[in-house]
């Protein structure tokens, strides 16, 4: 994905609408596109993540345990 395509994607999201050009340049310099396979975990409960994930396409389930059962807490999609 090109730098301009990344900037265009970010500009469409409400959280980034008010960002300046300088902020976009800093964001783009430090971000990368990562692809995950179906069923692949995006994080682990035993580790504190060192990155922020932004879903550009597809869906992800946020899972949590209640009464020792794994439950879907939310379905996340583009922009989450």
N, C-alpha and C. Protein backbone atom coordinates (compact mmCIF):
# COMPACT_ATOMS: atom_id res chain seq x y z
N UNK A 1 0.85 -1.18 0.00
CA UNK A 1 0.00 0.00 0.00
C UNK A 1 0.89 1.24 0.00
N UNK A 2 0.58 2.19 -0.86
CA UNK A 2 1.38 3.40 -0.98
C UNK A 2 1.12 4.35 0.19
N UNK A 3 2.02 5.28 0.40
CA UNK A 3 1.86 6.27 1.47
C UNK A 3 0.60 7.08 1.25
N UNK A 4 0.33 7.51 0.03
CA UNK A 4 -0.86 8.32 -0.23
C UNK A 4 -2.14 7.53 0.01
N UNK A 5 -2.11 6.22 -0.27
CA UNK A 5 -3.29 5.38 -0.02
C UNK A 5 -3.54 5.26 1.48
N UNK A 6 -2.47 5.14 2.28
CA UNK A 6 -2.61 5.08 3.74
C UNK A 6 -3.20 6.38 4.27
N UNK A 7 -2.69 7.51 3.77
CA UNK A 7 -3.20 8.81 4.22
C UNK A 7 -4.68 8.95 3.85
N UNK A 8 -5.05 8.55 2.65
CA UNK A 8 -6.45 8.63 2.23
C UNK A 8 -7.34 7.79 3.13
N UNK A 9 -6.90 6.60 3.51
CA UNK A 9 -7.68 5.75 4.40
C UNK A 9 -7.86 6.41 5.77
N UNK A 10 -6.78 6.95 6.31
CA UNK A 10 -6.87 7.60 7.62
C UNK A 10 -7.77 8.83 7.58
N UNK A 11 -7.71 9.60 6.51
CA UNK A 11 -8.52 10.81 6.40
C UNK A 11 -10.02 10.51 6.44
N UNK A 12 -10.41 9.33 6.02
CA UNK A 12 -11.83 8.96 5.99
C UNK A 12 -12.37 8.62 7.38
N UNK A 13 -11.51 8.36 8.33
CA UNK A 13 -11.95 7.95 9.66
C UNK A 13 -12.19 9.16 10.56
N UNK A 14 -13.31 9.17 11.28
CA UNK A 14 -13.63 10.31 12.14
C UNK A 14 -12.53 10.69 13.13
N UNK A 15 -11.82 9.72 13.66
CA UNK A 15 -10.78 10.00 14.65
C UNK A 15 -9.62 10.82 14.08
N UNK A 16 -9.45 10.80 12.76
CA UNK A 16 -8.32 11.47 12.14
C UNK A 16 -8.70 12.68 11.29
N UNK A 17 -9.98 13.02 11.25
CA UNK A 17 -10.44 14.09 10.36
C UNK A 17 -9.80 15.45 10.65
N UNK A 18 -9.49 15.74 11.88
CA UNK A 18 -8.96 17.06 12.25
C UNK A 18 -7.42 17.11 12.28
N UNK A 19 -6.77 16.05 11.87
CA UNK A 19 -5.30 16.00 11.92
C UNK A 19 -4.67 16.90 10.85
N UNK A 20 -3.56 17.50 11.21
CA UNK A 20 -2.82 18.34 10.28
C UNK A 20 -1.98 17.46 9.35
N UNK A 21 -1.44 18.09 8.31
CA UNK A 21 -0.56 17.37 7.38
C UNK A 21 0.66 16.82 8.12
N UNK A 22 1.21 17.61 9.03
CA UNK A 22 2.39 17.18 9.78
C UNK A 22 2.07 15.94 10.62
N UNK A 23 0.89 15.91 11.21
CA UNK A 23 0.48 14.75 12.01
C UNK A 23 0.32 13.53 11.12
N UNK A 24 -0.28 13.69 9.95
CA UNK A 24 -0.42 12.57 9.02
C UNK A 24 0.95 12.03 8.61
N UNK A 25 1.88 12.91 8.36
CA UNK A 25 3.23 12.47 7.98
C UNK A 25 3.88 11.66 9.09
N UNK A 26 3.72 12.10 10.35
CA UNK A 26 4.28 11.36 11.48
C UNK A 26 3.59 10.00 11.63
N UNK A 27 2.28 9.98 11.48
CA UNK A 27 1.54 8.71 11.57
C UNK A 27 1.99 7.72 10.51
N UNK A 28 2.07 8.19 9.29
CA UNK A 28 2.43 7.32 8.18
C UNK A 28 3.85 6.81 8.33
N UNK A 29 4.74 7.65 8.85
CA UNK A 29 6.13 7.22 9.03
C UNK A 29 6.26 6.09 10.04
N UNK A 30 5.31 6.01 10.97
CA UNK A 30 5.42 5.00 12.02
C UNK A 30 4.41 3.86 11.90
N UNK A 31 3.60 3.86 10.85
CA UNK A 31 2.60 2.78 10.73
C UNK A 31 2.95 1.83 9.59
N UNK A 32 2.36 0.65 9.68
CA UNK A 32 2.54 -0.34 8.63
C UNK A 32 1.26 -1.14 8.48
N UNK A 33 1.03 -1.64 7.30
CA UNK A 33 -0.13 -2.48 7.04
C UNK A 33 0.25 -3.92 7.38
N UNK A 34 -0.57 -4.56 8.21
CA UNK A 34 -0.36 -5.94 8.62
C UNK A 34 -1.61 -6.73 8.25
N UNK A 35 -1.41 -7.89 7.69
CA UNK A 35 -2.53 -8.75 7.31
C UNK A 35 -2.58 -9.95 8.25
N UNK A 36 -3.80 -10.28 8.68
CA UNK A 36 -4.01 -11.42 9.56
C UNK A 36 -4.85 -12.45 8.85
N UNK A 37 -4.59 -13.70 9.10
CA UNK A 37 -5.37 -14.78 8.53
C UNK A 37 -6.64 -15.03 9.34
N UNK A 38 -7.58 -15.74 8.75
CA UNK A 38 -8.82 -16.07 9.43
C UNK A 38 -8.51 -16.86 10.70
N UNK A 39 -9.06 -16.41 11.81
CA UNK A 39 -8.86 -17.09 13.09
C UNK A 39 -7.57 -16.76 13.80
N UNK A 40 -6.71 -15.99 13.18
CA UNK A 40 -5.43 -15.63 13.80
C UNK A 40 -5.65 -14.59 14.88
N UNK A 41 -5.11 -14.81 16.09
CA UNK A 41 -5.27 -13.82 17.17
C UNK A 41 -4.53 -12.52 16.85
N UNK A 42 -5.15 -11.41 17.22
CA UNK A 42 -4.53 -10.11 17.03
C UNK A 42 -3.74 -9.68 18.25
N UNK A 43 -4.07 -10.26 19.40
CA UNK A 43 -3.34 -9.96 20.62
C UNK A 43 -3.46 -11.15 21.57
N UNK A 44 -2.75 -11.06 22.68
CA UNK A 44 -2.71 -12.14 23.66
C UNK A 44 -2.96 -11.54 25.04
N UNK A 45 -3.78 -12.18 25.84
CA UNK A 45 -4.09 -11.65 27.18
C UNK A 45 -2.88 -11.62 28.10
N UNK A 46 -1.84 -12.36 27.79
CA UNK A 46 -0.66 -12.41 28.64
C UNK A 46 0.38 -11.35 28.31
N UNK A 47 0.17 -10.59 27.23
CA UNK A 47 1.13 -9.58 26.80
C UNK A 47 0.48 -8.21 26.67
N UNK A 48 1.22 -7.18 27.04
CA UNK A 48 0.76 -5.82 26.80
C UNK A 48 1.22 -5.44 25.40
N UNK A 49 0.26 -5.11 24.50
CA UNK A 49 0.65 -4.81 23.11
C UNK A 49 1.53 -3.57 23.02
N UNK A 50 2.41 -3.56 22.03
CA UNK A 50 3.27 -2.42 21.79
C UNK A 50 2.84 -1.65 20.55
N UNK A 51 1.59 -1.88 20.14
CA UNK A 51 1.07 -1.21 18.95
C UNK A 51 -0.44 -1.04 19.06
N UNK A 52 -0.94 -0.16 18.23
CA UNK A 52 -2.38 0.06 18.11
C UNK A 52 -2.80 -0.52 16.77
N UNK A 53 -3.86 -1.31 16.77
CA UNK A 53 -4.35 -1.90 15.52
C UNK A 53 -5.59 -1.14 15.07
N UNK A 54 -5.65 -0.85 13.80
CA UNK A 54 -6.79 -0.18 13.17
C UNK A 54 -7.26 -1.09 12.05
N UNK A 55 -8.52 -1.48 12.09
CA UNK A 55 -9.05 -2.38 11.07
C UNK A 55 -9.40 -1.58 9.82
N UNK A 56 -8.78 -1.91 8.71
CA UNK A 56 -9.05 -1.24 7.44
C UNK A 56 -10.10 -2.00 6.63
N UNK A 57 -10.07 -3.32 6.71
CA UNK A 57 -11.07 -4.13 6.02
C UNK A 57 -11.24 -5.44 6.78
N UNK A 58 -12.39 -6.06 6.62
CA UNK A 58 -12.67 -7.30 7.31
C UNK A 58 -13.29 -7.07 8.67
N UNK A 59 -13.32 -8.12 9.47
CA UNK A 59 -13.93 -8.06 10.79
C UNK A 59 -13.04 -8.79 11.79
N UNK A 60 -13.20 -8.43 13.06
CA UNK A 60 -12.50 -9.10 14.15
C UNK A 60 -13.47 -9.22 15.32
N UNK A 61 -13.34 -10.30 16.06
CA UNK A 61 -14.16 -10.47 17.26
C UNK A 61 -13.34 -10.13 18.49
N UNK A 62 -13.94 -9.37 19.40
CA UNK A 62 -13.33 -9.10 20.69
C UNK A 62 -13.88 -10.16 21.64
N UNK A 63 -12.98 -10.99 22.18
CA UNK A 63 -13.40 -12.10 23.03
C UNK A 63 -13.07 -11.80 24.48
N UNK A 64 -13.89 -12.34 25.36
CA UNK A 64 -13.66 -12.21 26.79
C UNK A 64 -14.19 -13.43 27.51
N UNK A 65 -13.71 -13.64 28.72
CA UNK A 65 -14.16 -14.80 29.50
C UNK A 65 -15.17 -14.35 30.57
N UNK A 66 -16.23 -15.12 30.71
CA UNK A 66 -17.23 -14.91 31.75
C UNK A 66 -17.63 -16.30 32.24
N UNK A 67 -17.54 -16.51 33.54
CA UNK A 67 -17.80 -17.83 34.12
C UNK A 67 -16.98 -18.91 33.42
N UNK A 68 -15.73 -18.57 33.14
CA UNK A 68 -14.78 -19.47 32.49
C UNK A 68 -15.20 -19.91 31.08
N UNK A 69 -16.10 -19.17 30.46
CA UNK A 69 -16.48 -19.44 29.07
C UNK A 69 -16.05 -18.28 28.20
N UNK A 70 -15.56 -18.60 27.03
CA UNK A 70 -15.15 -17.59 26.06
C UNK A 70 -16.39 -17.05 25.36
N UNK A 71 -16.56 -15.72 25.37
CA UNK A 71 -17.72 -15.07 24.76
C UNK A 71 -17.29 -13.96 23.83
N UNK A 72 -18.10 -13.72 22.79
CA UNK A 72 -17.88 -12.58 21.91
C UNK A 72 -18.45 -11.34 22.57
N UNK A 73 -17.58 -10.35 22.82
CA UNK A 73 -18.00 -9.11 23.44
C UNK A 73 -18.40 -8.08 22.39
N UNK A 74 -17.77 -8.15 21.20
CA UNK A 74 -18.07 -7.21 20.13
C UNK A 74 -17.54 -7.75 18.82
N UNK A 75 -18.19 -7.35 17.74
CA UNK A 75 -17.70 -7.61 16.39
C UNK A 75 -17.19 -6.26 15.88
N UNK A 76 -15.93 -6.20 15.52
CA UNK A 76 -15.29 -4.96 15.08
C UNK A 76 -15.08 -4.99 13.58
N UNK A 77 -15.15 -3.83 12.94
CA UNK A 77 -14.96 -3.74 11.50
C UNK A 77 -14.13 -2.53 11.13
N UNK A 78 -14.13 -2.16 9.86
CA UNK A 78 -13.31 -1.04 9.38
C UNK A 78 -13.54 0.23 10.22
N UNK A 79 -12.44 0.84 10.61
CA UNK A 79 -12.49 2.05 11.41
C UNK A 79 -12.34 1.79 12.90
N UNK A 80 -12.49 0.55 13.32
CA UNK A 80 -12.31 0.18 14.72
C UNK A 80 -10.86 -0.12 14.98
